[in-house]
Amino acid sequence: MDLSSALYLGVTFGLFVVFLLIVIRTYSKKRKEEGERAKYRMLDDD
C-alpha cells in the first residue's frame, strides 16, 4: 500500500469516527432532555 492509499484510508476512518461521535452525542440520554426542552420552548413561543 502506498502513501496516498494509506492517507485516504486514514482520512476515511477519521471521518467515520467523527460521525460516530456525533451520533453518540446526539442520541445520549442527557442530551435528549436538553433537546426536548428547546423544542417545547419554541412551541411555547407560538
PDB file of N, CA and C in Angstrom:
ATOM      1  N   MET A   1       0.860  -1.169   0.000  1.00  0.00           N
ATOM      2  CA  MET A   1       0.000   0.000   0.000  1.00  0.00           C
ATOM      3  C   MET A   1       0.909   1.236   0.000  1.00  0.00           C
ATOM      4  N   ASP A   2       0.661   2.129  -0.922  1.00  0.00           N
ATOM      5  CA  ASP A   2       1.492   3.322  -0.994  1.00  0.00           C
ATOM      6  C   ASP A   2       0.948   4.409  -0.067  1.00  0.00           C
ATOM      7  N   LEU A   3       1.638   5.524  -0.021  1.00  0.00           N
ATOM      8  CA  LEU A   3       1.322   6.598   0.922  1.00  0.00           C
ATOM      9  C   LEU A   3      -0.061   7.198   0.674  1.00  0.00           C
ATOM     10  N   SER A   4      -0.418   7.392  -0.588  1.00  0.00           N
ATOM     11  CA  SER A   4      -1.718   8.009  -0.877  1.00  0.00           C
ATOM     12  C   SER A   4      -2.872   7.101  -0.453  1.00  0.00           C
ATOM     13  N   SER A   5      -2.732   5.802  -0.615  1.00  0.00           N
ATOM     14  CA  SER A   5      -3.774   4.867  -0.186  1.00  0.00           C
ATOM     15  C   SER A   5      -3.910   4.863   1.328  1.00  0.00           C
ATOM     16  N   ALA A   6      -2.784   4.894   2.031  1.00  0.00           N
ATOM     17  CA  ALA A   6      -2.820   4.921   3.494  1.00  0.00           C
ATOM     18  C   ALA A   6      -3.437   6.218   3.990  1.00  0.00           C
ATOM     19  N   LEU A   7      -3.108   7.328   3.347  1.00  0.00           N
ATOM     20  CA  LEU A   7      -3.681   8.620   3.731  1.00  0.00           C
ATOM     21  C   LEU A   7      -5.191   8.635   3.492  1.00  0.00           C
ATOM     22  N   TYR A   8      -5.628   8.126   2.358  1.00  0.00           N
ATOM     23  CA  TYR A   8      -7.057   8.060   2.040  1.00  0.00           C
ATOM     24  C   TYR A   8      -7.789   7.196   3.064  1.00  0.00           C
ATOM     25  N   LEU A   9      -7.203   6.063   3.397  1.00  0.00           N
ATOM     26  CA  LEU A   9      -7.809   5.182   4.383  1.00  0.00           C
ATOM     27  C   LEU A   9      -7.870   5.851   5.755  1.00  0.00           C
ATOM     28  N   GLY A  10      -6.829   6.564   6.130  1.00  0.00           N
ATOM     29  CA  GLY A  10      -6.797   7.265   7.413  1.00  0.00           C
ATOM     30  C   GLY A  10      -7.843   8.362   7.495  1.00  0.00           C
ATOM     31  N   VAL A  11      -7.978   9.138   6.430  1.00  0.00           N
ATOM     32  CA  VAL A  11      -8.984  10.210   6.407  1.00  0.00           C
ATOM     33  C   VAL A  11     -10.386   9.621   6.463  1.00  0.00           C
ATOM     34  N   THR A  12     -10.626   8.552   5.723  1.00  0.00           N
ATOM     35  CA  THR A  12     -11.939   7.904   5.726  1.00  0.00           C
ATOM     36  C   THR A  12     -12.279   7.375   7.112  1.00  0.00           C
ATOM     37  N   PHE A  13     -11.313   6.711   7.737  1.00  0.00           N
ATOM     38  CA  PHE A  13     -11.537   6.189   9.079  1.00  0.00           C
ATOM     39  C   PHE A  13     -11.761   7.331  10.072  1.00  0.00           C
ATOM     40  N   GLY A  14     -11.020   8.415   9.942  1.00  0.00           N
ATOM     41  CA  GLY A  14     -11.189   9.576  10.818  1.00  0.00           C
ATOM     42  C   GLY A  14     -12.573  10.191  10.697  1.00  0.00           C
ATOM     43  N   LEU A  15     -13.059  10.336   9.474  1.00  0.00           N
ATOM     44  CA  LEU A  15     -14.400  10.888   9.271  1.00  0.00           C
ATOM     45  C   LEU A  15     -15.473   9.970   9.847  1.00  0.00           C
ATOM     46  N   PHE A  16     -15.251   8.663   9.738  1.00  0.00           N
ATOM     47  CA  PHE A  16     -16.192   7.702  10.310  1.00  0.00           C
ATOM     48  C   PHE A  16     -16.233   7.835  11.833  1.00  0.00           C
ATOM     49  N   VAL A  17     -15.084   8.018  12.456  1.00  0.00           N
ATOM     50  CA  VAL A  17     -15.035   8.198  13.909  1.00  0.00           C
ATOM     51  C   VAL A  17     -15.753   9.478  14.320  1.00  0.00           C
ATOM     52  N   VAL A  18     -15.549  10.560  13.582  1.00  0.00           N
ATOM     53  CA  VAL A  18     -16.243  11.816  13.872  1.00  0.00           C
ATOM     54  C   VAL A  18     -17.748  11.632  13.746  1.00  0.00           C
ATOM     55  N   PHE A  19     -18.193  10.926  12.718  1.00  0.00           N
ATOM     56  CA  PHE A  19     -19.610  10.664  12.530  1.00  0.00           C
ATOM     57  C   PHE A  19     -20.176   9.872  13.705  1.00  0.00           C
ATOM     58  N   LEU A  20     -19.450   8.846  14.152  1.00  0.00           N
ATOM     59  CA  LEU A  20     -19.911   8.058  15.299  1.00  0.00           C
ATOM     60  C   LEU A  20     -20.011   8.909  16.555  1.00  0.00           C
ATOM     61  N   LEU A  21     -19.045   9.782  16.777  1.00  0.00           N
ATOM     62  CA  LEU A  21     -19.095  10.645  17.952  1.00  0.00           C
ATOM     63  C   LEU A  21     -20.294  11.586  17.912  1.00  0.00           C
ATOM     64  N   ILE A  22     -20.606  12.111  16.738  1.00  0.00           N
ATOM     65  CA  ILE A  22     -21.770  12.988  16.601  1.00  0.00           C
ATOM     66  C   ILE A  22     -23.052  12.222  16.891  1.00  0.00           C
ATOM     67  N   VAL A  23     -23.172  11.009  16.367  1.00  0.00           N
ATOM     68  CA  VAL A  23     -24.373  10.198  16.596  1.00  0.00           C
ATOM     69  C   VAL A  23     -24.505   9.846  18.067  1.00  0.00           C
ATOM     70  N   ILE A  24     -23.422   9.440  18.697  1.00  0.00           N
ATOM     71  CA  ILE A  24     -23.478   9.079  20.120  1.00  0.00           C
ATOM     72  C   ILE A  24     -23.858  10.289  20.966  1.00  0.00           C
ATOM     73  N   ARG A  25     -23.295  11.438  20.655  1.00  0.00           N
ATOM     74  CA  ARG A  25     -23.609  12.647  21.436  1.00  0.00           C
ATOM     75  C   ARG A  25     -25.055  13.078  21.209  1.00  0.00           C
ATOM     76  N   THR A  26     -25.545  12.943  19.998  1.00  0.00           N
ATOM     77  CA  THR A  26     -26.901  13.372  19.688  1.00  0.00           C
ATOM     78  C   THR A  26     -27.944  12.504  20.385  1.00  0.00           C
ATOM     79  N   TYR A  27     -27.705  11.197  20.424  1.00  0.00           N
ATOM     80  CA  TYR A  27     -28.708  10.294  20.951  1.00  0.00           C
ATOM     81  C   TYR A  27     -28.462   9.873  22.399  1.00  0.00           C
ATOM     82  N   SER A  28     -27.560  10.551  23.119  1.00  0.00           N
ATOM     83  CA  SER A  28     -27.362  10.208  24.523  1.00  0.00           C
ATOM     84  C   SER A  28     -28.543  10.724  25.343  1.00  0.00           C
ATOM     85  N   LYS A  29     -28.825  10.098  26.453  1.00  0.00           N
ATOM     86  CA  LYS A  29     -29.998  10.439  27.256  1.00  0.00           C
ATOM     87  C   LYS A  29     -29.896  11.833  27.863  1.00  0.00           C
ATOM     88  N   LYS A  30     -28.697  12.243  28.277  1.00  0.00           N
ATOM     89  CA  LYS A  30     -28.551  13.584  28.842  1.00  0.00           C
ATOM     90  C   LYS A  30     -28.872  14.654  27.810  1.00  0.00           C
ATOM     91  N   ARG A  31     -28.393  14.476  26.600  1.00  0.00           N
ATOM     92  CA  ARG A  31     -28.615  15.477  25.558  1.00  0.00           C
ATOM     93  C   ARG A  31     -30.061  15.472  25.082  1.00  0.00           C
ATOM     94  N   LYS A  32     -30.737  14.338  25.185  1.00  0.00           N
ATOM     95  CA  LYS A  32     -32.123  14.258  24.731  1.00  0.00           C
ATOM     96  C   LYS A  32     -33.013  15.192  25.544  1.00  0.00           C
ATOM     97  N   GLU A  33     -32.797  15.234  26.852  1.00  0.00           N
ATOM     98  CA  GLU A  33     -33.592  16.125  27.693  1.00  0.00           C
ATOM     99  C   GLU A  33     -33.377  17.574  27.301  1.00  0.00           C
ATOM    100  N   GLU A  34     -32.149  17.942  27.010  1.00  0.00           N
ATOM    101  CA  GLU A  34     -31.854  19.325  26.618  1.00  0.00           C
ATOM    102  C   GLU A  34     -32.505  19.667  25.281  1.00  0.00           C
ATOM    103  N   GLY A  35     -32.494  18.737  24.338  1.00  0.00           N
ATOM    104  CA  GLY A  35     -33.125  18.964  23.041  1.00  0.00           C
ATOM    105  C   GLY A  35     -34.628  19.066  23.135  1.00  0.00           C
ATOM    106  N   GLU A  36     -35.228  18.249  23.977  1.00  0.00           N
ATOM    107  CA  GLU A  36     -36.682  18.317  24.159  1.00  0.00           C
ATOM    108  C   GLU A  36     -37.074  19.641  24.802  1.00  0.00           C
ATOM    109  N   ARG A  37     -36.271  20.121  25.740  1.00  0.00           N
ATOM    110  CA  ARG A  37     -36.577  21.386  26.399  1.00  0.00           C
ATOM    111  C   ARG A  37     -36.601  22.528  25.383  1.00  0.00           C
ATOM    112  N   ALA A  38     -35.646  22.528  24.463  1.00  0.00           N
ATOM    113  CA  ALA A  38     -35.596  23.582  23.444  1.00  0.00           C
ATOM    114  C   ALA A  38     -36.796  23.477  22.506  1.00  0.00           C
ATOM    115  N   LYS A  39     -37.211  22.269  22.188  1.00  0.00           N
ATOM    116  CA  LYS A  39     -38.357  22.084  21.293  1.00  0.00           C
ATOM    117  C   LYS A  39     -39.623  22.658  21.924  1.00  0.00           C
ATOM    118  N   TYR A  40     -39.842  22.333  23.187  1.00  0.00           N
ATOM    119  CA  TYR A  40     -41.050  22.827  23.848  1.00  0.00           C
ATOM    120  C   TYR A  40     -40.993  24.326  24.080  1.00  0.00           C
ATOM    121  N   ARG A  41     -39.796  24.872  24.262  1.00  0.00           N
ATOM    122  CA  ARG A  41     -39.669  26.321  24.409  1.00  0.00           C
ATOM    123  C   ARG A  41     -40.064  27.011  23.100  1.00  0.00           C
ATOM    124  N   MET A  42     -39.697  26.431  21.958  1.00  0.00           N
ATOM    125  CA  MET A  42     -40.090  27.001  20.678  1.00  0.00           C
ATOM    126  C   MET A  42     -41.592  26.908  20.472  1.00  0.00           C
ATOM    127  N   LEU A  43     -42.189  25.809  20.906  1.00  0.00           N
ATOM    128  CA  LEU A  43     -43.644  25.674  20.765  1.00  0.00           C
ATOM    129  C   LEU A  43     -44.386  26.656  21.659  1.00  0.00           C
ATOM    130  N   ASP A  44     -43.836  26.949  22.837  1.00  0.00           N
ATOM    131  CA  ASP A  44     -44.488  27.910  23.725  1.00  0.00           C
ATOM    132  C   ASP A  44     -44.452  29.317  23.163  1.00  0.00           C
ATOM    133  N   ASP A  45     -43.448  29.624  22.330  1.00  0.00           N
ATOM    134  CA  ASP A  45     -43.357  30.962  21.754  1.00  0.00           C
ATOM    135  C   ASP A  45     -44.463  31.229  20.745  1.00  0.00           C
ATOM    136  N   ASP A  46     -45.023  30.197  20.158  1.00  0.00           N
ATOM    137  CA  ASP A  46     -46.075  30.383  19.128  1.00  0.00           C
ATOM    138  C   ASP A  46     -47.385  30.830  19.680  1.00  0.00           C
TER     139      ASP A  46
END
